[in-house]
């Protein structure tokens, strides 16, 4: 079980990219007090977990209703992850903020969604359920969100250690790993599609 959890943990770790989104979190929270920033962190983590769990349990229903095979989603999800990874590598500067929001909801949007749980993470979750099962996927998203919580909760200390440039650099490395994982998913999906076609013939 631990091997499955670790296997599910790593793609999510790179997809969420906690150190890479840390500067964006600092930017979004602006001049908020330490107490307010920590309140936003708690709100964002709860939101991210709730959205993740809903998506995990509705994933198979979506597959069934749309008649999507796992191999199809691997290819589509892999391509999507690759786009996100390439975009982060070439264009992202850690500023994923889109607009100012009300302080009472900032932990939900944009911090919880889409800063922590964005399209790349949702895609990874759906694929993870199919590859590693519910238990390993849930355990891995909880572990990853715990890392996010600890980083954001202690954001002022962490940003001083890493510096803004350091956080962005770590994010770029994570994006490179995410691109490699995306290629693996695409290759696996294509192989399964051709295998099923050969079997059908």
Protein backbone atom coordinates (compact mmCIF):
# COMPACT_ATOMS: atom_id res chain seq x y z
CA UNK A 1 0.00 0.00 0.00
CA UNK A 2 2.82 2.42 0.84
CA UNK A 3 4.27 1.92 -2.64
CA UNK A 4 0.91 2.78 -4.20
CA UNK A 5 0.56 5.88 -2.03
CA UNK A 6 4.07 7.03 -2.96
CA UNK A 7 3.38 6.37 -6.66
CA UNK A 8 0.17 8.43 -6.43
CA UNK A 9 1.85 11.10 -4.30
CA UNK A 10 4.62 12.09 -6.71
CA UNK A 11 2.54 13.21 -9.75
CA UNK A 12 0.29 15.25 -7.45
CA UNK A 13 3.32 16.73 -5.72
CA UNK A 14 4.66 18.03 -9.02
CA UNK A 15 1.20 19.09 -10.28
CA UNK A 16 0.39 21.13 -7.17
CA UNK A 17 3.93 22.54 -7.01
CA UNK A 18 3.60 24.00 -3.50
CA UNK A 19 6.95 25.89 -3.46
CA UNK A 20 6.26 27.27 -6.94
CA UNK A 21 2.85 28.72 -6.03
CA UNK A 22 4.10 30.13 -2.74
CA UNK A 23 5.08 33.52 -4.26
CA UNK A 24 1.61 33.78 -5.82
CA UNK A 25 0.05 33.10 -2.42
CA UNK A 26 2.14 35.86 -0.88
CA UNK A 27 1.09 38.19 -3.70
CA UNK A 28 -2.62 37.35 -3.40
CA UNK A 29 -2.70 37.79 0.37
CA UNK A 30 -0.89 41.12 -0.02
CA UNK A 31 -0.55 43.10 3.20
CA UNK A 32 -2.77 40.79 5.25
CA UNK A 33 -1.77 40.32 8.88
CA UNK A 34 -0.17 37.07 9.98
CA UNK A 35 -3.42 35.96 11.66
CA UNK A 36 -5.48 36.80 8.53
CA UNK A 37 -3.02 35.01 6.24
CA UNK A 38 -3.21 31.89 8.38
CA UNK A 39 -7.01 32.05 8.36
CA UNK A 40 -6.88 32.22 4.54
CA UNK A 41 -4.54 29.21 4.55
CA UNK A 42 -7.00 27.12 6.57
CA UNK A 43 -9.91 28.18 4.33
CA UNK A 44 -7.94 27.41 1.17
CA UNK A 45 -6.80 23.98 2.37
CA UNK A 46 -10.33 22.93 3.35
CA UNK A 47 -11.65 24.15 -0.01
CA UNK A 48 -8.93 22.30 -1.92
CA UNK A 49 -9.60 19.06 -0.03
CA UNK A 50 -13.37 19.28 -0.53
CA UNK A 51 -13.06 19.89 -4.27
CA UNK A 52 -10.51 17.08 -4.60
CA UNK A 53 -12.70 14.53 -2.80
CA UNK A 54 -15.78 15.42 -4.86
CA UNK A 55 -13.75 15.10 -8.05
CA UNK A 56 -12.20 11.81 -6.96
CA UNK A 57 -15.58 10.17 -6.30
CA UNK A 58 -17.35 11.62 -9.35
CA UNK A 59 -14.55 10.75 -11.73
CA UNK A 60 -15.73 7.24 -12.59
CA UNK A 61 -19.32 8.44 -13.00
CA UNK A 62 -18.12 11.05 -15.49
CA UNK A 63 -16.16 8.36 -17.34
CA UNK A 64 -19.20 6.09 -17.52
CA UNK A 65 -21.64 8.77 -18.67
CA UNK A 66 -19.30 10.04 -21.39
CA UNK A 67 -18.15 6.52 -22.43
CA UNK A 68 -14.52 7.46 -21.86
CA UNK A 69 -11.93 4.70 -21.50
CA UNK A 70 -8.98 5.02 -19.13
CA UNK A 71 -6.58 4.98 -22.07
CA UNK A 72 -8.44 7.90 -23.68
CA UNK A 73 -8.18 9.94 -20.54
CA UNK A 74 -4.51 9.09 -20.10
CA UNK A 75 -3.74 10.56 -23.52
CA UNK A 76 -5.99 13.59 -23.08
CA UNK A 77 -4.86 14.15 -19.49
CA UNK A 78 -1.23 13.69 -20.44
CA UNK A 79 -1.53 16.27 -23.21
CA UNK A 80 -3.23 18.68 -20.82
CA UNK A 81 -0.55 18.20 -18.17
CA UNK A 82 2.12 18.70 -20.83
CA UNK A 83 0.57 22.01 -21.87
CA UNK A 84 0.50 23.21 -18.25
CA UNK A 85 4.08 22.09 -17.68
CA UNK A 86 5.38 23.75 -20.85
CA UNK A 87 3.49 26.95 -20.06
CA UNK A 88 4.99 27.05 -16.57
CA UNK A 89 8.47 26.37 -17.94
CA UNK A 90 8.32 29.04 -20.64
CA UNK A 91 5.99 31.75 -19.39
CA UNK A 92 5.09 31.48 -15.70
CA UNK A 93 6.81 33.80 -13.22
CA UNK A 94 4.98 32.51 -10.14
CA UNK A 95 2.25 35.15 -10.47
CA UNK A 96 -0.89 33.09 -11.01
CA UNK A 97 -3.09 35.73 -9.52
CA UNK A 98 -5.97 36.77 -11.75
CA UNK A 99 -7.77 39.49 -9.86
CA UNK A 100 -8.39 40.87 -6.41
CA UNK A 101 -11.15 39.21 -4.43
CA UNK A 102 -13.01 39.86 -1.21
CA UNK A 103 -10.96 38.99 1.87
CA UNK A 104 -13.74 36.74 3.19
CA UNK A 105 -13.62 34.48 0.13
CA UNK A 106 -10.00 34.79 -0.99
CA UNK A 107 -9.19 31.43 0.59
CA UNK A 108 -11.77 29.79 -1.67
CA UNK A 109 -11.04 31.71 -4.87
CA UNK A 110 -8.35 32.24 -6.07
CA UNK A 111 -6.19 30.46 -3.46
CA UNK A 112 -8.10 27.18 -2.98
CA UNK A 113 -9.20 27.17 -6.62
CA UNK A 114 -7.37 27.48 -8.98
CA UNK A 115 -4.07 28.25 -7.24
CA UNK A 116 -3.87 24.99 -5.26
CA UNK A 117 -6.38 22.80 -7.10
CA UNK A 118 -6.27 23.75 -10.76
CA UNK A 119 -6.99 21.81 -13.96
CA UNK A 120 -3.63 20.02 -13.88
CA UNK A 121 -4.29 18.69 -10.38
CA UNK A 122 -7.85 17.61 -11.21
CA UNK A 123 -6.59 15.76 -14.27
CA UNK A 124 -3.91 14.06 -12.18
CA UNK A 125 -6.49 13.03 -9.56
CA UNK A 126 -8.76 11.34 -12.11
CA UNK A 127 -5.85 9.45 -13.64
CA UNK A 128 -4.53 8.53 -10.18
CA UNK A 129 -7.85 6.93 -9.17
CA UNK A 130 -7.74 4.71 -12.23
CA UNK A 131 -4.09 3.77 -11.76
CA UNK A 132 -3.71 3.49 -7.97
CA UNK A 133 -7.24 3.32 -6.51
CA UNK A 134 -9.23 5.50 -4.13
CA UNK A 135 -7.30 4.84 -0.92
CA UNK A 136 -3.87 5.67 -2.35
CA UNK A 137 -5.21 8.74 -4.19
CA UNK A 138 -7.01 10.14 -1.14
CA UNK A 139 -3.97 9.52 1.07
CA UNK A 140 -1.69 11.22 -1.46
CA UNK A 141 -3.88 14.33 -1.88
CA UNK A 142 -4.20 14.67 1.90
CA UNK A 143 -0.41 14.40 2.27
CA UNK A 144 0.16 16.96 -0.48
CA UNK A 145 -2.36 19.39 0.98
CA UNK A 146 -0.67 19.02 4.35
CA UNK A 147 2.58 20.17 2.71
CA UNK A 148 0.75 23.10 1.12
CA UNK A 149 -0.81 23.99 4.47
CA UNK A 150 2.53 23.95 6.28
CA UNK A 151 4.22 26.06 3.60
CA UNK A 152 1.43 28.62 3.42
CA UNK A 153 0.92 28.72 7.19
CA UNK A 154 4.62 29.52 7.61
CA UNK A 155 4.86 31.44 4.34
CA UNK A 156 6.73 34.42 5.73
CA UNK A 157 9.53 32.23 7.10
CA UNK A 158 9.70 30.02 4.01
CA UNK A 159 9.85 32.91 1.54
CA UNK A 160 12.75 34.42 3.47
CA UNK A 161 14.66 31.14 3.24
CA UNK A 162 13.95 30.36 -0.42
CA UNK A 163 13.66 33.96 -1.66
CA UNK A 164 11.22 34.71 -4.47
CA UNK A 165 13.72 33.71 -7.18
CA UNK A 166 14.42 30.43 -5.39
CA UNK A 167 10.73 29.53 -5.21
CA UNK A 168 10.29 30.20 -8.91
CA UNK A 169 13.38 28.13 -9.74
CA UNK A 170 12.03 25.18 -7.74
CA UNK A 171 8.72 25.56 -9.57
CA UNK A 172 10.50 25.34 -12.93
CA UNK A 173 12.19 22.09 -11.92
CA UNK A 174 8.83 20.68 -10.79
CA UNK A 175 7.30 21.68 -14.14
CA UNK A 176 10.03 19.72 -15.93
CA UNK A 177 9.20 16.61 -13.90
CA UNK A 178 5.49 17.18 -14.58
CA UNK A 179 6.25 17.28 -18.33
CA UNK A 180 8.06 13.94 -18.04
CA UNK A 181 5.11 12.42 -16.18
CA UNK A 182 2.78 13.77 -18.89
CA UNK A 183 4.83 12.07 -21.62
CA UNK A 184 4.70 8.80 -19.66
CA UNK A 185 0.90 9.03 -19.43
CA UNK A 186 0.56 9.74 -23.17
CA UNK A 187 2.85 6.82 -24.03
CA UNK A 188 0.94 4.49 -21.70
CA UNK A 189 -2.43 5.58 -23.10
CA UNK A 190 -1.39 5.17 -26.73
CA UNK A 191 0.07 1.74 -25.97
CA UNK A 192 -3.21 0.63 -24.34
CA UNK A 193 -5.27 1.97 -27.27
CA UNK A 194 -3.19 0.08 -29.84
CA UNK A 195 -3.26 -3.03 -27.64
CA UNK A 196 -7.07 -2.95 -27.42
CA UNK A 197 -7.34 -2.41 -31.19
CA UNK A 198 -5.06 -5.40 -31.82
CA UNK A 199 -7.13 -7.55 -29.47
CA UNK A 200 -10.36 -6.45 -31.16
CA UNK A 201 -8.97 -7.40 -34.56
